[in-house]
């Protein structure tokens, strides 16, 4: 009997030792779980930042690749342009050179004629080559050659040839010759479908190149075109839309996320907010654009020779239709480079500007292109003034429409999302309401988490088993009693773990509450700043309207040149 008792005591000691060791191990594991739980909120925040950083990296990488592709394509396109149309550039450079050489008479006429004939051979499709041959033939009094070359030039491009020789006639001081050619040019025009070089004629008018009679003819033609176009149904609405597109083409594409770090992160409407700022920024860009057009004195060329040479350079610099596809691709790649690889923003700018390179447009679109995109239309500031002045009423209406649309698109309420909480604010002045809502939301989440942190079926099963075994131990020996205690011990360990988990939940949600509160306050502060920022940008619209209202066409027609100089011999002028 004593031996059995000794064995039972020994067995009991072993069991109790194992339980203590197991409890110690469980305590260690529980401590590790607590450590993991304490880092949960920080990990969640870091994960969110990493996600944003990854997205930013992907976007930056895509932009960098697009930038590299655009730069590579730009080189190839320019090489292709040089390969296909490089000879055209040589002809263009020679055009005014021949005129200036004839002025100072330092180049033999035979040399000029040979040079133009060589250009004719090297550019079999280009209208300017036979036009220069005709000019050289006139200068050398070769009437038959001049007529044959002139016929070929008009066959290749009648409109450009007519405008070219109208300017040549004016340069020579031959008003009648200039008028005849200009009349021929006008006779070829359809105000609904004008070639891009028509802007050169408008440029000549704006810069006072034509004499009084010819300028009057041009003015009447322009007025007639506008009157004819205005008879169309829906004309006014079309102009408002046309100028609206032109104004919107000045909209920048800047990401303001660095200034509004919290709104860009916690507002699902950030793209709308960023777009609204850029749309309002258009006002200052448009104001600067028009101020640049109308401020300062325009210096008229010192002589008709210089004025006409500038116009001739502009005329021959206009790309021919066959060059346009490559030139447009070149322009798109240049915009991608300017936008630092943002292909979407570049495409938007290209779509808005592409009308300036359309082969044929109506006269009002021509004025729009000249006014808003001089770098593509190759016009002077005087022409810009004339174009804006003639289009003033349409621009005022379009600006009013665009401004109203910009203001309508401004979000009345700004939605916020912090973790899984959602709220909204109009002016950023409802902090107390939103803080209360955020607090209640987090408290609700905490209570849900606490409710889940409870004893499970396993734990309750161990308690039930322990109680049963303890009751059964009476009369069944110490072993059953110890087994009951062990079951209850396991249950107690589970209970301790639940309590520790609940404490960790309390700490995690306390950190979450603090971080979320700070994020909300920052979002509301940025909302106030965003509203102020947008209002400042939008206020520039009044300055734009005031400037436009002060413009009139009569103010921007320059006086003609009073002095002319004969360039071509009388025989050549008569031949023309």
Protein backbone atom coordinates (compact mmCIF):
# COMPACT_ATOMS: atom_id res chain seq x y z
CA UNK A 1 0.00 0.00 0.00
CA UNK A 2 2.79 2.38 0.87
CA UNK A 3 4.63 1.49 -2.30
CA UNK A 4 1.55 2.37 -4.39
CA UNK A 5 1.24 5.66 -2.55
CA UNK A 6 4.87 6.52 -3.26
CA UNK A 7 4.38 5.78 -6.95
CA UNK A 8 1.27 7.96 -7.08
CA UNK A 9 3.08 10.84 -5.35
CA UNK A 10 5.99 10.50 -7.80
CA UNK A 11 3.65 10.44 -10.75
CA UNK A 12 1.88 13.49 -9.39
CA UNK A 13 5.09 15.41 -9.01
CA UNK A 14 5.98 14.66 -12.61
CA UNK A 15 2.60 15.85 -13.85
CA UNK A 16 2.77 19.06 -11.79
CA UNK A 17 6.27 19.77 -13.07
CA UNK A 18 5.12 19.30 -16.65
CA UNK A 19 2.23 21.65 -16.08
CA UNK A 20 4.51 24.34 -14.65
CA UNK A 21 6.87 23.97 -17.61
CA UNK A 22 3.97 24.13 -20.05
CA UNK A 23 2.61 27.21 -18.28
CA UNK A 24 5.99 28.87 -18.57
CA UNK A 25 6.17 28.09 -22.28
CA UNK A 26 2.68 29.39 -22.80
CA UNK A 27 3.60 32.57 -20.93
CA UNK A 28 6.56 33.05 -23.22
CA UNK A 29 4.43 32.54 -26.30
CA UNK A 30 1.81 34.87 -24.89
CA UNK A 31 4.46 37.55 -24.39
CA UNK A 32 5.55 37.15 -27.99
CA UNK A 33 1.96 37.41 -29.16
CA UNK A 34 1.62 40.61 -27.15
CA UNK A 35 4.73 42.01 -28.84
CA UNK A 36 3.35 41.15 -32.27
CA UNK A 37 0.03 42.72 -31.38
CA UNK A 38 1.68 45.91 -30.16
CA UNK A 39 3.27 46.34 -33.56
CA UNK A 40 0.04 45.66 -35.44
CA UNK A 41 -1.08 49.29 -35.79
CA UNK A 42 2.41 50.41 -36.80
CA UNK A 43 2.64 47.60 -39.32
CA UNK A 44 -0.74 48.55 -40.75
CA UNK A 45 0.33 52.17 -41.15
CA UNK A 46 3.67 51.16 -42.65
CA UNK A 47 1.89 48.86 -45.07
CA UNK A 48 -0.34 51.70 -46.20
CA UNK A 49 2.68 53.95 -46.73
CA UNK A 50 4.50 51.18 -48.58
CA UNK A 51 1.50 50.66 -50.82
CA UNK A 52 1.40 54.36 -51.66
CA UNK A 53 5.16 54.42 -52.16
CA UNK A 54 4.92 51.40 -54.45
CA UNK A 55 2.18 53.01 -56.51
CA UNK A 56 4.22 56.20 -56.74
CA UNK A 57 7.24 54.16 -57.80
CA UNK A 58 5.26 52.35 -60.50
CA UNK A 59 3.91 55.64 -61.84
CA UNK A 60 7.36 57.23 -61.76
CA UNK A 61 8.83 54.19 -63.51
CA UNK A 62 6.18 54.28 -66.23
CA UNK A 63 6.77 58.01 -66.75
CA UNK A 64 10.52 57.50 -66.90
CA UNK A 65 10.10 54.77 -69.52
CA UNK A 66 7.69 56.89 -71.57
CA UNK A 67 10.13 59.80 -71.32
CA UNK A 68 12.97 57.61 -72.57
CA UNK A 69 10.82 56.22 -75.40
CA UNK A 70 9.74 59.74 -76.40
CA UNK A 71 13.32 60.99 -76.49
CA UNK A 72 14.37 58.02 -78.61
CA UNK A 73 11.41 58.39 -80.97
CA UNK A 74 12.05 62.12 -81.23
CA UNK A 75 15.56 61.50 -82.52
CA UNK A 76 14.33 58.92 -85.06
CA UNK A 77 11.47 61.12 -86.26
CA UNK A 78 13.75 64.11 -86.76
CA UNK A 79 16.17 61.92 -88.66
CA UNK A 80 13.29 60.74 -90.86
CA UNK A 81 12.14 64.34 -91.41
CA UNK A 82 15.67 65.32 -92.35
CA UNK A 83 15.94 62.33 -94.69
CA UNK A 84 12.62 62.93 -96.45
CA UNK A 85 12.25 66.71 -96.30
CA UNK A 86 15.72 68.04 -95.58
CA UNK A 87 15.96 69.40 -99.10
CA UNK A 88 12.80 71.43 -98.50
CA UNK A 89 14.60 73.28 -95.71
CA UNK A 90 17.40 74.17 -98.13
CA UNK A 91 14.88 75.60 -100.58
CA UNK A 92 13.24 77.61 -97.78
CA UNK A 93 16.54 79.13 -96.73
CA UNK A 94 17.31 80.08 -100.32
CA UNK A 95 14.03 81.94 -100.88
CA UNK A 96 14.74 85.18 -99.01
CA UNK A 97 18.44 84.79 -99.74
CA UNK A 98 17.77 85.19 -103.45
CA UNK A 99 15.71 88.32 -102.83
CA UNK A 100 18.33 89.88 -100.60
CA UNK A 101 21.12 88.97 -103.01
CA UNK A 102 19.20 90.71 -105.78
CA UNK A 103 18.84 93.79 -103.57
CA UNK A 104 22.54 94.36 -103.04
CA UNK A 105 23.54 92.93 -106.45
CA UNK A 106 26.56 91.03 -105.11
CA UNK A 107 25.56 87.75 -106.72
CA UNK A 108 25.56 87.30 -110.48
CA UNK A 109 22.12 86.71 -111.97
CA UNK A 110 23.44 83.61 -113.73
CA UNK A 111 24.50 82.18 -110.36
CA UNK A 112 21.04 82.80 -108.92
CA UNK A 113 19.39 81.15 -111.92
CA UNK A 114 21.67 78.09 -111.74
CA UNK A 115 21.05 77.75 -108.00
CA UNK A 116 17.28 77.81 -108.42
CA UNK A 117 17.44 75.26 -111.25
CA UNK A 118 19.46 72.90 -109.02
CA UNK A 119 16.81 73.26 -106.32
CA UNK A 120 14.17 72.41 -108.90
CA UNK A 121 15.95 69.14 -109.68
CA UNK A 122 16.36 68.18 -106.01
CA UNK A 123 12.75 68.82 -104.97
CA UNK A 124 10.46 67.49 -107.73
CA UNK A 125 7.21 67.90 -105.71
CA UNK A 126 7.81 71.11 -103.74
CA UNK A 127 5.94 74.23 -104.98
CA UNK A 128 8.61 76.68 -103.84
CA UNK A 129 11.30 75.30 -106.17
CA UNK A 130 9.59 76.30 -109.47
CA UNK A 131 8.44 79.54 -107.80
CA UNK A 132 12.09 80.44 -107.18
CA UNK A 133 12.98 79.47 -110.75
CA UNK A 134 10.24 81.83 -111.96
CA UNK A 135 11.54 84.60 -109.69
CA UNK A 136 15.12 84.12 -110.92
CA UNK A 137 13.88 84.13 -114.52
CA UNK A 138 12.05 87.43 -113.92
CA UNK A 139 15.16 88.91 -112.37
CA UNK A 140 17.15 87.92 -115.46
CA UNK A 141 14.34 88.96 -117.85
CA UNK A 142 13.70 85.36 -119.05
CA UNK A 143 10.00 85.70 -119.72
CA UNK A 144 9.27 82.30 -121.28
CA UNK A 145 11.16 80.44 -118.58
CA UNK A 146 9.38 82.51 -115.97
CA UNK A 147 5.99 81.65 -117.38
CA UNK A 148 6.75 77.91 -117.59
CA UNK A 149 8.10 77.85 -114.05
CA UNK A 150 5.17 79.90 -112.80
CA UNK A 151 2.73 77.47 -114.41
CA UNK A 152 4.44 74.55 -112.66
CA UNK A 153 4.42 76.37 -109.30
CA UNK A 154 0.70 77.13 -109.53
CA UNK A 155 0.05 73.52 -110.55
CA UNK A 156 1.81 72.25 -107.43
CA UNK A 157 0.21 74.76 -105.04
CA UNK A 158 -1.79 77.62 -106.53
CA UNK A 159 -2.71 79.22 -103.21
CA UNK A 160 0.79 79.44 -101.80
CA UNK A 161 2.22 80.55 -105.13
CA UNK A 162 -0.36 83.35 -105.44
CA UNK A 163 0.29 84.59 -101.92
CA UNK A 164 4.05 84.32 -102.47
CA UNK A 165 4.03 86.52 -105.58
CA UNK A 166 1.60 88.95 -104.00
CA UNK A 167 4.20 89.54 -101.31
CA UNK A 168 6.95 89.71 -103.93
CA UNK A 169 4.98 92.36 -105.80
CA UNK A 170 4.54 94.38 -102.61
CA UNK A 171 8.24 93.99 -101.87
CA UNK A 172 9.02 95.40 -105.32
CA UNK A 173 6.73 98.36 -104.78
CA UNK A 174 4.37 97.13 -107.50
CA UNK A 175 0.98 97.68 -105.92
CA UNK A 176 -1.01 96.54 -108.94
CA UNK A 177 1.00 93.33 -109.30
CA UNK A 178 0.51 92.65 -105.60
CA UNK A 179 -3.21 93.33 -105.82
CA UNK A 180 -3.66 91.04 -108.87
CA UNK A 181 -1.95 88.14 -107.20
CA UNK A 182 -3.77 88.76 -103.92
CA UNK A 183 -7.09 88.92 -105.77
CA UNK A 184 -6.21 85.59 -107.37
CA UNK A 185 -5.43 84.21 -103.92
CA UNK A 186 -8.74 85.43 -102.48
CA UNK A 187 -10.58 83.92 -105.44
CA UNK A 188 -9.22 80.50 -104.52
CA UNK A 189 -10.37 80.72 -100.91
CA UNK A 190 -13.35 79.22 -99.20
CA UNK A 191 -13.89 80.78 -95.77
CA UNK A 192 -15.19 77.42 -94.57
CA UNK A 193 -12.00 75.62 -95.64
CA UNK A 194 -8.89 77.80 -95.58
CA UNK A 195 -5.35 76.58 -95.92
CA UNK A 196 -3.01 77.24 -93.04
CA UNK A 197 -0.93 79.78 -94.99
CA UNK A 198 -3.89 82.20 -94.96
CA UNK A 199 -2.50 83.32 -91.63
CA UNK A 200 0.41 84.88 -93.56
CA UNK A 201 -2.03 87.18 -95.35
CA UNK A 202 -3.57 88.11 -92.00
CA UNK A 203 -0.05 88.66 -90.67
CA UNK A 204 0.69 91.02 -93.55
CA UNK A 205 -2.48 92.97 -92.85
CA UNK A 206 -1.78 93.18 -89.11
CA UNK A 207 1.78 94.38 -89.69
CA UNK A 208 0.80 97.08 -92.16
CA UNK A 209 2.64 95.55 -95.11
CA UNK A 210 -0.06 96.22 -97.71
CA UNK A 211 -0.76 99.72 -98.95
CA UNK A 212 -4.05 101.41 -98.16
CA UNK A 213 -5.99 100.09 -101.16
CA UNK A 214 -4.82 96.51 -100.72
CA UNK A 215 -5.33 96.62 -96.95
CA UNK A 216 -8.88 97.85 -97.55
CA UNK A 217 -9.44 94.94 -99.94
CA UNK A 218 -8.18 92.47 -97.31
CA UNK A 219 -10.30 94.03 -94.58
CA UNK A 220 -13.44 93.82 -96.72
CA UNK A 221 -12.68 90.21 -97.57
CA UNK A 222 -12.17 89.33 -93.90
CA UNK A 223 -15.35 91.12 -92.88
CA UNK A 224 -17.19 89.30 -95.65
CA UNK A 225 -15.85 85.95 -94.48
CA UNK A 226 -16.93 86.60 -90.92
CA UNK A 227 -20.33 87.80 -92.06
CA UNK A 228 -20.79 84.72 -94.24
CA UNK A 229 -19.75 82.37 -91.48
CA UNK A 230 -21.97 84.12 -88.95
CA UNK A 231 -25.05 83.31 -91.06
CA UNK A 232 -24.66 79.64 -90.27
CA UNK A 233 -27.08 78.09 -87.84
CA UNK A 234 -25.46 77.65 -84.45
CA UNK A 235 -22.47 79.82 -85.40
CA UNK A 236 -22.30 81.64 -82.08
CA UNK A 237 -22.47 78.39 -80.12
CA UNK A 238 -19.77 76.88 -82.31
CA UNK A 239 -17.48 79.84 -81.65
CA UNK A 240 -18.04 79.60 -77.92
CA UNK A 241 -17.13 75.93 -78.01
CA UNK A 242 -14.14 76.55 -80.27
CA UNK A 243 -12.70 79.26 -78.06
CA UNK A 244 -13.60 77.25 -74.99
CA UNK A 245 -11.38 74.42 -76.24
CA UNK A 246 -8.62 76.94 -76.96
CA UNK A 247 -8.81 78.34 -73.43
CA UNK A 248 -8.86 74.88 -71.87
CA UNK A 249 -5.75 73.98 -73.85
CA UNK A 250 -3.87 76.28 -71.46
CA UNK A 251 -4.82 74.15 -68.45
CA UNK A 252 -1.71 72.85 -66.66
CA UNK A 253 -1.33 69.24 -65.54
CA UNK A 254 0.42 69.52 -62.19
CA UNK A 255 0.16 67.11 -59.26
CA UNK A 256 -0.41 69.11 -56.05
CA UNK A 257 -0.06 66.05 -53.79
CA UNK A 258 3.16 67.34 -52.24
CA UNK A 259 1.30 70.37 -50.92
CA UNK A 260 -1.79 68.42 -49.83
CA UNK A 261 -0.22 65.25 -48.47
CA UNK A 262 -3.17 64.16 -46.33
CA UNK A 263 -5.98 64.95 -48.76
CA UNK A 264 -4.13 63.12 -51.52
CA UNK A 265 -3.85 60.10 -49.22
CA UNK A 266 -7.19 60.04 -47.39
CA UNK A 267 -9.62 61.51 -49.92
CA UNK A 268 -10.95 59.24 -52.70
CA UNK A 269 -11.77 62.49 -54.55
CA UNK A 270 -8.17 63.64 -54.82
CA UNK A 271 -8.11 63.40 -58.62
CA UNK A 272 -11.13 65.72 -58.75
CA UNK A 273 -9.56 68.11 -56.24
CA UNK A 274 -6.25 68.16 -58.10
CA UNK A 275 -8.05 68.67 -61.41
CA UNK A 276 -10.09 71.55 -59.97
CA UNK A 277 -6.90 73.36 -58.92
CA UNK A 278 -5.39 72.90 -62.36
CA UNK A 279 -8.60 74.06 -64.03
CA UNK A 280 -8.63 77.24 -61.92
CA UNK A 281 -4.90 77.74 -62.65
CA UNK A 282 -5.86 78.09 -66.30
CA UNK A 283 -7.11 81.60 -65.51
CA UNK A 284 -3.68 82.97 -64.58
CA UNK A 285 -2.06 81.29 -67.59
CA UNK A 286 -4.69 82.77 -69.93
CA UNK A 287 -4.30 86.18 -68.29
CA UNK A 288 -0.54 86.05 -68.75
CA UNK A 289 -1.04 84.91 -72.35
CA UNK A 290 -3.32 87.83 -73.25
CA UNK A 291 -1.21 90.31 -71.29
CA UNK A 292 1.82 89.18 -73.25
CA UNK A 293 -0.11 89.80 -76.47
CA UNK A 294 -1.39 93.27 -75.65
CA UNK A 295 1.22 94.75 -73.34
CA UNK A 296 4.21 96.56 -74.77
CA UNK A 297 4.76 98.29 -78.05
CA UNK A 298 4.94 96.41 -81.31
CA UNK A 299 7.88 97.58 -83.33
CA UNK A 300 7.00 97.85 -86.98
CA UNK A 301 9.73 96.68 -89.34
CA UNK A 302 11.89 99.58 -90.48
CA UNK A 303 11.05 98.96 -94.14
CA UNK A 304 8.65 97.02 -96.27
CA UNK A 305 11.58 94.89 -97.41
CA UNK A 306 12.22 93.57 -93.93
CA UNK A 307 8.52 93.17 -93.22
CA UNK A 308 7.88 91.21 -96.40
CA UNK A 309 11.00 89.09 -95.91
CA UNK A 310 9.69 88.09 -92.49
CA UNK A 311 6.34 87.17 -93.99
CA UNK A 312 7.98 85.24 -96.81
CA UNK A 313 9.98 83.33 -94.24
CA UNK A 314 6.77 82.56 -92.38
CA UNK A 315 5.04 81.45 -95.59
CA UNK A 316 7.74 79.09 -96.75
CA UNK A 317 8.27 77.78 -93.21
CA UNK A 318 4.73 76.44 -93.07
CA UNK A 319 5.05 72.71 -93.40
CA UNK A 320 3.50 71.15 -96.46
CA UNK A 321 0.70 68.64 -96.10
CA UNK A 322 2.96 65.64 -96.73
CA UNK A 323 5.16 66.68 -93.79
CA UNK A 324 2.33 67.04 -91.30
CA UNK A 325 2.03 63.39 -90.07
CA UNK A 326 5.66 63.33 -89.03
CA UNK A 327 5.49 66.87 -87.62
CA UNK A 328 2.47 65.92 -85.50
CA UNK A 329 4.25 62.84 -84.17
CA UNK A 330 7.24 65.03 -83.40
CA UNK A 331 5.00 67.47 -81.54
CA UNK A 332 3.36 64.70 -79.47
CA UNK A 333 6.73 63.33 -78.42
CA UNK A 334 7.89 66.83 -77.53
CA UNK A 335 4.84 67.26 -75.29
CA UNK A 336 5.59 63.91 -73.59
CA UNK A 337 9.11 65.18 -72.90
CA UNK A 338 7.74 68.47 -71.55
CA UNK A 339 5.33 66.55 -69.29
CA UNK A 340 8.22 64.43 -67.95
CA UNK A 341 6.79 61.20 -69.37
CA UNK A 342 3.13 61.76 -68.47
CA UNK A 343 1.67 60.43 -71.72
CA UNK A 344 -1.93 61.05 -70.71
CA UNK A 345 -1.34 64.73 -69.93
CA UNK A 346 0.69 65.12 -73.13
CA UNK A 347 -2.09 63.52 -75.20
CA UNK A 348 -4.65 65.89 -73.69
CA UNK A 349 -2.49 68.91 -74.59
CA UNK A 350 -1.89 67.49 -78.06
CA UNK A 351 -5.61 66.93 -78.70
CA UNK A 352 -6.42 70.51 -77.70
CA UNK A 353 -3.57 71.98 -79.77
CA UNK A 354 -3.90 69.74 -82.82
CA UNK A 355 -6.49 72.01 -84.44
CA UNK A 356 -3.70 74.52 -84.98
CA UNK A 357 -2.08 72.06 -87.39
CA UNK A 358 -5.17 70.96 -89.25
CA UNK A 359 -4.69 71.22 -92.98
CA UNK A 360 -7.84 73.22 -93.59
CA UNK A 361 -9.98 75.19 -91.15
CA UNK A 362 -12.61 77.89 -91.34
CA UNK A 363 -11.51 81.49 -90.90
CA UNK A 364 -12.63 81.81 -87.31
CA UNK A 365 -10.66 78.69 -86.35
CA UNK A 366 -7.68 80.23 -88.11
CA UNK A 367 -8.01 83.30 -85.89
CA UNK A 368 -8.27 81.05 -82.83
CA UNK A 369 -5.12 79.14 -83.77
CA UNK A 370 -3.23 82.36 -84.41
CA UNK A 371 -4.30 83.89 -81.10
CA UNK A 372 -3.73 80.91 -78.82
CA UNK A 373 -0.96 78.89 -80.47
CA UNK A 374 1.42 81.30 -82.24
CA UNK A 375 4.27 78.80 -81.96
CA UNK A 376 2.33 76.44 -84.22
CA UNK A 377 0.80 79.07 -86.51
CA UNK A 378 4.03 81.08 -86.93
CA UNK A 379 2.38 84.45 -86.45
CA UNK A 380 3.57 87.74 -84.99
CA UNK A 381 2.24 89.46 -81.92
CA UNK A 382 0.49 92.00 -84.14
CA UNK A 383 -1.49 89.18 -85.75
CA UNK A 384 -2.34 87.77 -82.35
CA UNK A 385 -3.73 91.15 -81.37
CA UNK A 386 -5.78 91.37 -84.55
CA UNK A 387 -7.10 87.82 -84.13
CA UNK A 388 -8.10 88.37 -80.51
CA UNK A 389 -9.66 91.74 -81.30
CA UNK A 390 -11.80 90.31 -84.13
CA UNK A 391 -12.83 87.41 -81.89
CA UNK A 392 -13.30 89.36 -78.68
CA UNK A 393 -17.03 88.80 -78.23
CA UNK A 394 -16.65 85.06 -78.81
CA UNK A 395 -13.72 84.88 -76.41
CA UNK A 396 -15.66 86.74 -73.71
CA UNK A 397 -18.60 84.34 -74.06
CA UNK A 398 -16.33 81.29 -74.15
CA UNK A 399 -14.38 82.47 -71.12
CA UNK A 400 -17.64 82.97 -69.24
CA UNK A 401 -18.75 79.43 -70.18
CA UNK A 402 -15.43 77.85 -69.24
CA UNK A 403 -15.30 79.72 -65.94
CA UNK A 404 -18.84 78.61 -65.09
CA UNK A 405 -17.99 75.00 -65.95
CA UNK A 406 -14.86 75.13 -63.80
CA UNK A 407 -16.87 76.44 -60.86
CA UNK A 408 -19.62 73.87 -61.34
CA UNK A 409 -17.08 71.04 -61.27
CA UNK A 410 -15.65 72.09 -57.92
CA UNK A 411 -16.73 69.47 -55.31
CA UNK A 412 -19.21 70.90 -52.84
CA UNK A 413 -18.28 68.26 -50.29
CA UNK A 414 -14.96 66.51 -49.87
CA UNK A 415 -15.15 62.83 -48.93
CA UNK A 416 -12.62 61.38 -46.51
CA UNK A 417 -11.68 57.77 -45.82
CA UNK A 418 -9.42 56.97 -42.84
CA UNK A 419 -8.98 53.22 -42.42
CA UNK A 420 -12.57 52.04 -42.99
CA UNK A 421 -14.20 55.18 -41.59
CA UNK A 422 -15.92 57.50 -44.06
CA UNK A 423 -16.90 61.12 -43.60
CA UNK A 424 -17.30 64.32 -45.55
CA UNK A 425 -16.79 68.03 -45.11
CA UNK A 426 -17.63 71.13 -47.11
CA UNK A 427 -15.38 73.82 -45.66
CA UNK A 428 -13.39 71.87 -43.10
CA UNK A 429 -15.31 73.52 -40.23
CA UNK A 430 -17.19 70.50 -38.89
CA UNK A 431 -14.28 69.00 -36.93
CA UNK A 432 -16.26 68.28 -33.76
CA UNK A 433 -18.92 66.36 -35.68
CA UNK A 434 -16.39 64.33 -37.65
CA UNK A 435 -14.21 63.65 -34.61
CA UNK A 436 -17.24 62.32 -32.75
CA UNK A 437 -18.20 60.16 -35.73
CA UNK A 438 -14.63 58.86 -36.02
CA UNK A 439 -14.44 58.16 -32.29
CA UNK A 440 -17.74 56.26 -32.33
CA UNK A 441 -16.66 54.28 -35.36
CA UNK A 442 -13.36 53.25 -33.81
CA UNK A 443 -15.11 52.48 -30.50
CA UNK A 444 -17.56 50.28 -32.36
CA UNK A 445 -14.71 48.46 -34.08
CA UNK A 446 -12.98 48.05 -30.73
CA UNK A 447 -16.08 46.59 -29.12
CA UNK A 448 -16.45 44.17 -32.01
CA UNK A 449 -12.84 43.12 -31.59
CA UNK A 450 -13.30 42.74 -27.81
CA UNK A 451 -16.39 40.63 -28.33
CA UNK A 452 -14.39 38.30 -30.49
CA UNK A 453 -11.67 38.07 -27.83
CA UNK A 454 -13.42 35.53 -25.55
CA UNK A 455 -13.17 31.93 -24.45
CA UNK A 456 -13.87 29.50 -27.22
CA UNK A 457 -15.69 26.18 -27.23
CA UNK A 458 -12.43 24.41 -26.48
CA UNK A 459 -11.92 26.49 -23.36
CA UNK A 460 -15.47 25.96 -22.13
CA UNK A 461 -15.08 22.27 -22.86
CA UNK A 462 -11.98 22.12 -20.68
CA UNK A 463 -13.82 23.91 -17.85
CA UNK A 464 -16.72 21.48 -18.10
CA UNK A 465 -14.34 18.54 -18.21
CA UNK A 466 -12.39 19.84 -15.25
CA UNK A 467 -15.53 20.27 -13.16
CA UNK A 468 -16.75 16.79 -14.05
CA UNK A 469 -13.39 15.22 -13.24
CA UNK A 470 -13.23 17.01 -9.90
CA UNK A 471 -16.67 15.72 -9.01
CA UNK A 472 -15.67 12.24 -10.11
CA UNK A 473 -12.45 12.37 -8.08
CA UNK A 474 -14.35 11.66 -4.88
CA UNK A 475 -13.97 7.98 -4.64
CA UNK A 476 -11.84 7.62 -7.78
CA UNK A 477 -8.47 8.62 -6.52
CA UNK A 478 -6.02 11.44 -6.82
CA UNK A 479 -5.30 10.90 -10.49
CA UNK A 480 -8.80 11.91 -11.58
CA UNK A 481 -8.52 14.89 -9.26
CA UNK A 482 -5.23 15.95 -10.83
CA UNK A 483 -6.68 15.52 -14.33
CA UNK A 484 -9.57 17.79 -13.37
CA UNK A 485 -7.12 20.39 -12.04
CA UNK A 486 -5.10 20.12 -15.26
CA UNK A 487 -8.18 20.75 -17.40
CA UNK A 488 -9.11 23.77 -15.30
CA UNK A 489 -5.48 24.94 -15.50
CA UNK A 490 -5.60 24.80 -19.27
CA UNK A 491 -8.84 26.75 -19.22
CA UNK A 492 -7.28 29.32 -16.88
CA UNK A 493 -4.31 29.75 -19.23
CA UNK A 494 -6.78 30.36 -22.08
CA UNK A 495 -8.57 32.90 -19.93
CA UNK A 496 -5.25 34.68 -19.23
CA UNK A 497 -4.51 34.78 -22.93
CA UNK A 498 -7.94 36.25 -23.66
CA UNK A 499 -7.38 38.95 -21.05
CA UNK A 500 -3.97 39.80 -22.50
CA UNK A 501 -5.45 39.89 -26.00
CA UNK A 502 -8.17 42.25 -24.81
CA UNK A 503 -5.59 44.54 -23.23
CA UNK A 504 -3.62 44.56 -26.49
CA UNK A 505 -6.80 45.41 -28.42
CA UNK A 506 -7.36 48.34 -26.07
CA UNK A 507 -3.80 49.58 -26.69
CA UNK A 508 -4.01 49.07 -30.48
CA UNK A 509 -7.26 50.96 -30.79
CA UNK A 510 -5.94 53.73 -28.55
CA UNK A 511 -3.04 54.17 -31.00
CA UNK A 512 -5.44 53.96 -33.95
CA UNK A 513 -7.68 56.58 -32.37
CA UNK A 514 -4.76 58.96 -31.89
CA UNK A 515 -3.37 58.46 -35.40
CA UNK A 516 -6.80 58.72 -37.04
CA UNK A 517 -7.64 61.86 -35.09
CA UNK A 518 -4.42 63.52 -36.21
CA UNK A 519 -5.03 62.48 -39.83
CA UNK A 520 -8.57 63.88 -39.70
CA UNK A 521 -7.38 67.19 -38.28
CA UNK A 522 -4.73 67.44 -40.99
CA UNK A 523 -7.31 66.67 -43.71
CA UNK A 524 -9.64 69.38 -42.41
CA UNK A 525 -6.80 71.91 -42.22
CA UNK A 526 -5.81 71.07 -45.80
CA UNK A 527 -9.46 71.37 -46.86
CA UNK A 528 -9.53 74.94 -45.56
CA UNK A 529 -6.26 75.67 -47.36
CA UNK A 530 -7.49 73.98 -50.55
CA UNK A 531 -10.64 76.14 -50.62
CA UNK A 532 -8.57 79.27 -50.10
CA UNK A 533 -6.07 78.19 -52.75
CA UNK A 534 -8.78 77.46 -55.31
CA UNK A 535 -10.56 80.77 -54.61
CA UNK A 536 -7.33 82.73 -55.20
CA UNK A 537 -6.77 80.98 -58.51
CA UNK A 538 -10.40 81.46 -59.55
CA UNK A 539 -10.37 85.18 -58.67
CA UNK A 540 -8.05 85.80 -61.64
CA UNK A 541 -11.07 85.18 -63.92
CA UNK A 542 -12.31 88.72 -63.20
CA UNK A 543 -8.99 90.15 -64.43
CA UNK A 544 -9.23 88.09 -67.61
CA UNK A 545 -12.76 89.35 -68.26
CA UNK A 546 -11.73 92.96 -67.65
CA UNK A 547 -8.81 92.66 -70.06
CA UNK A 548 -10.93 91.09 -72.79
CA UNK A 549 -13.65 93.74 -72.44
CA UNK A 550 -11.08 96.49 -73.06
CA UNK A 551 -10.07 95.17 -76.50
CA UNK A 552 -11.37 96.50 -79.83
CA UNK A 553 -10.33 95.60 -83.41
CA UNK A 554 -9.72 99.21 -84.46
CA UNK A 555 -6.95 99.60 -81.89
CA UNK A 556 -4.82 96.88 -83.40
CA UNK A 557 -4.64 97.60 -87.13
CA UNK A 558 -1.19 99.00 -87.78
CA UNK A 559 -0.55 101.74 -90.29
CA UNK A 560 1.01 100.65 -93.53
CA UNK A 561 4.61 101.24 -94.54
CA UNK A 562 5.04 104.52 -96.34
CA UNK A 563 8.27 103.66 -98.00
CA UNK A 564 8.81 100.99 -100.63
CA UNK A 565 11.80 99.96 -102.66
CA UNK A 566 11.98 98.51 -106.11
CA UNK A 567 13.60 95.12 -106.22
CA UNK A 568 12.63 93.62 -109.52
CA UNK A 569 13.41 95.27 -112.82
CA UNK A 570 10.53 96.89 -114.58
CA UNK A 571 10.42 94.17 -117.19
CA UNK A 572 10.17 91.51 -114.53
CA UNK A 573 7.40 93.37 -112.73
CA UNK A 574 5.45 93.78 -115.94
CA UNK A 575 5.90 90.10 -116.66
CA UNK A 576 4.40 89.35 -113.29
